[in-house]
N, C-alpha and C. Protein backbone atom coordinates (compact mmCIF):
# COMPACT_ATOMS: atom_id res chain seq x y z
N MET A 1 68.63 93.00 93.66
CA MET A 1 69.34 92.71 92.65
C MET A 1 70.68 91.42 92.73
N PRO A 2 71.04 90.76 92.05
CA PRO A 2 72.35 89.67 92.26
C PRO A 2 73.30 90.36 92.74
N ASN A 3 74.42 90.02 93.68
CA ASN A 3 75.82 90.06 93.72
C ASN A 3 76.34 89.89 92.45
N MET A 4 77.38 90.84 91.63
CA MET A 4 78.16 91.59 90.53
C MET A 4 79.69 91.28 91.14
N GLU A 5 80.01 90.59 90.17
CA GLU A 5 81.85 90.23 90.58
C GLU A 5 82.27 91.95 90.19
N PRO A 6 83.40 91.86 90.89
CA PRO A 6 83.83 93.08 91.35
C PRO A 6 83.78 94.07 89.15
N ARG A 7 84.19 92.66 88.37
CA ARG A 7 85.03 93.49 87.21
C ARG A 7 83.82 94.40 86.51
N ASP A 8 82.54 93.40 86.66
CA ASP A 8 81.36 93.35 85.78
C ASP A 8 80.80 95.18 86.47
N GLU A 9 80.85 95.38 87.75
CA GLU A 9 80.59 96.82 88.46
C GLU A 9 81.58 97.91 87.93
N LEU A 10 82.92 97.37 87.45
CA LEU A 10 83.81 98.52 87.70
C LEU A 10 82.99 98.40 85.74
N ALA A 11 83.08 97.88 85.14
CA ALA A 11 82.95 98.11 83.88
C ALA A 11 81.54 98.79 83.14
N ILE A 12 80.83 98.23 84.65
CA ILE A 12 79.34 99.16 84.38
C ILE A 12 79.31 101.09 84.97
N GLU A 13 80.77 101.08 86.11
CA GLU A 13 80.98 102.58 86.32
C GLU A 13 81.91 103.16 84.97
N ILE A 14 82.47 102.09 84.18
CA ILE A 14 83.65 102.73 82.91
C ILE A 14 82.47 103.05 82.21
N GLU A 15 81.09 102.91 81.11
CA GLU A 15 80.49 103.31 81.05
C GLU A 15 79.53 104.36 81.27
N THR A 16 79.25 104.46 82.56
CA THR A 16 78.71 105.16 82.78
C THR A 16 79.58 106.36 82.96
N ASN A 17 80.80 106.24 83.53
CA ASN A 17 81.61 107.78 83.03
C ASN A 17 82.49 108.15 82.01
N LEU A 18 82.39 107.31 81.25
CA LEU A 18 82.42 107.50 79.97
C LEU A 18 81.07 108.40 79.10
N SER A 19 80.53 108.44 79.44
CA SER A 19 79.11 108.70 78.52
C SER A 19 78.97 109.82 79.13
N THR A 20 79.26 109.82 80.50
CA THR A 20 79.27 111.79 80.78
C THR A 20 79.96 112.33 80.86
N LEU A 21 81.37 111.59 80.50
CA LEU A 21 82.72 112.75 79.99
C LEU A 21 82.73 113.24 78.76
N GLU A 22 82.10 112.14 77.52
CA GLU A 22 81.28 112.60 76.27
C GLU A 22 80.49 113.53 76.09
N LYS A 23 79.89 113.67 76.48
CA LYS A 23 78.43 114.59 77.21
C LYS A 23 79.43 116.35 77.57
N ASP A 24 80.31 115.90 78.84
CA ASP A 24 80.96 117.29 79.31
C ASP A 24 81.92 117.77 78.58
N ILE A 25 82.41 116.99 77.32
CA ILE A 25 83.46 117.28 76.19
C ILE A 25 82.46 118.26 74.98
N GLU A 26 81.05 117.37 74.60
CA GLU A 26 80.75 118.60 73.65
C GLU A 26 80.15 119.41 74.42
N GLU A 27 79.99 119.51 75.80
CA GLU A 27 79.51 121.43 76.37
C GLU A 27 80.61 121.92 76.19
N TRP A 28 81.98 120.87 76.49
CA TRP A 28 83.59 122.33 75.95
C TRP A 28 83.15 122.34 75.39
N LYS A 29 83.35 121.75 74.11
CA LYS A 29 83.17 122.05 72.93
C LYS A 29 82.47 123.69 72.23
N ALA A 30 81.70 123.49 72.39
CA ALA A 30 80.54 124.07 72.29
C ALA A 30 80.47 125.48 72.46
N GLY A 31 81.55 125.34 74.16
CA GLY A 31 81.26 127.15 74.71
C GLY A 31 82.34 127.66 74.05
N ASP A 32 83.11 128.84 74.29
CA ASP A 32 84.37 129.61 74.23
C ASP A 32 85.67 128.71 74.54
N ARG A 33 86.07 127.41 74.87
CA ARG A 33 87.03 127.33 75.52
C ARG A 33 88.13 127.60 76.29
N THR A 34 87.60 128.72 76.92
CA THR A 34 88.76 129.05 77.96
C THR A 34 88.35 129.02 79.59
N ASP A 35 87.60 127.83 79.34
CA ASP A 35 87.69 127.35 80.87
C ASP A 35 88.93 126.42 80.79
N TYR A 36 89.34 127.20 81.58
CA TYR A 36 90.90 126.08 81.86
C TYR A 36 90.87 125.30 82.92
N ASP A 37 89.87 125.85 84.03
CA ASP A 37 89.33 124.84 84.98
C ASP A 37 88.45 123.51 84.53
N GLU A 38 87.94 124.10 83.39
CA GLU A 38 86.60 122.86 83.00
C GLU A 38 87.94 121.98 82.14
N TRP A 39 88.61 122.64 81.17
CA TRP A 39 89.67 122.08 80.77
C TRP A 39 90.18 120.96 81.74
N ASN A 40 91.15 121.40 83.12
CA ASN A 40 91.70 120.42 83.77
C ASN A 40 90.51 119.51 84.59
N ARG A 41 89.74 119.90 84.74
CA ARG A 41 89.09 118.69 85.39
C ARG A 41 87.96 117.75 84.02
N LEU A 42 88.35 117.92 82.94
CA LEU A 42 88.06 116.84 82.01
C LEU A 42 89.48 116.12 81.75
N ASN A 43 90.72 116.48 81.74
CA ASN A 43 91.87 115.83 81.65
C ASN A 43 91.86 114.61 83.12
N TYR A 44 91.52 115.16 84.32
CA TYR A 44 91.73 114.85 85.01
C TYR A 44 91.21 113.40 84.87
N THR A 45 89.62 113.96 84.65
CA THR A 45 88.30 112.76 84.39
C THR A 45 89.01 111.33 83.51
N ILE A 46 89.35 112.25 82.04
CA ILE A 46 90.01 111.13 81.29
C ILE A 46 91.19 110.16 81.86
N SER A 47 92.18 110.86 82.47
CA SER A 47 93.42 110.22 83.48
C SER A 47 92.64 109.04 84.55
N ASN A 48 91.52 109.35 85.05
CA ASN A 48 90.84 109.05 86.13
C ASN A 48 90.43 107.01 85.28
N LEU A 49 89.90 107.54 83.92
CA LEU A 49 89.13 106.19 83.02
C LEU A 49 90.27 105.21 82.52
N ASN A 50 91.66 106.39 82.54
CA ASN A 50 92.58 104.81 82.10
C ASN A 50 92.93 104.76 83.54
N ASN A 51 92.66 104.49 84.55
CA ASN A 51 93.24 104.24 85.08
C ASN A 51 92.25 102.92 85.55
N GLU A 52 91.15 103.53 85.77
CA GLU A 52 89.89 102.15 85.49
C GLU A 52 90.05 101.55 84.65
N VAL A 53 89.82 101.64 82.92
CA VAL A 53 90.56 100.60 82.54
C VAL A 53 91.92 99.77 82.20
N ASN A 54 92.37 100.09 82.74
CA ASN A 54 93.96 99.29 83.55
C ASN A 54 93.46 98.25 84.67
N GLU A 55 92.51 98.91 85.15
CA GLU A 55 92.52 98.24 86.50
C GLU A 55 90.93 96.72 85.75
N LEU A 56 90.30 97.30 85.24
CA LEU A 56 89.25 96.50 84.46
C LEU A 56 89.86 94.86 83.62
N GLU A 57 91.22 95.59 82.81
CA GLU A 57 91.37 94.55 81.92
C GLU A 57 92.78 93.60 83.08
N HIS A 58 93.19 94.71 84.06
CA HIS A 58 93.99 93.57 85.07
C HIS A 58 93.73 92.28 85.66
N LEU A 59 91.74 92.51 86.53
CA LEU A 59 90.72 92.12 86.39
C LEU A 59 90.40 90.86 85.58
N GLU A 60 90.11 91.20 84.43
CA GLU A 60 89.91 90.70 83.11
C GLU A 60 90.92 89.12 82.87
N HIS A 61 92.28 89.73 83.02
CA HIS A 61 92.52 88.74 82.99
C HIS A 61 93.14 87.77 84.00
N ILE A 62 93.06 88.25 85.54
CA ILE A 62 92.95 87.55 86.64
C ILE A 62 91.45 86.39 86.36
N HIS A 63 90.51 86.93 85.81
CA HIS A 63 89.55 86.16 85.37
C HIS A 63 89.67 84.90 84.78
N GLU A 64 90.69 85.23 83.49
CA GLU A 64 90.98 84.32 82.75
C GLU A 64 91.30 83.41 83.06
N GLY A 65 92.59 83.49 84.27
CA GLY A 65 93.44 82.73 84.83
C GLY A 65 94.81 83.13 84.22
N GLY A 66 94.85 84.13 83.71
CA GLY A 66 96.03 84.94 83.68
C GLY A 66 96.97 84.66 84.74
N LEU A 67 96.58 84.78 86.28
CA LEU A 67 97.80 84.85 87.25
C LEU A 67 97.13 83.62 88.17
N ILE A 68 98.55 82.79 88.64
CA ILE A 68 98.28 81.67 88.89
C ILE A 68 99.24 81.75 90.36
N SER A 69 98.72 81.90 91.64
CA SER A 69 99.45 82.16 93.05
C SER A 69 100.27 80.66 92.74
């Protein structure tokens, strides 16, 4: 497998994590919704995904030549 750009690797990771999160949310919705540990875990995962998306946007900006040293 050829070397991937960090932004491509991050994009794949985000896609995978988002897919997993969607399944986890559906499972939580199908349950009794009283599992606060699960609720907190879902919120933590969402927060991490937001951070990863922000990082990806930053890497895309750099790749497009938006940051010049």
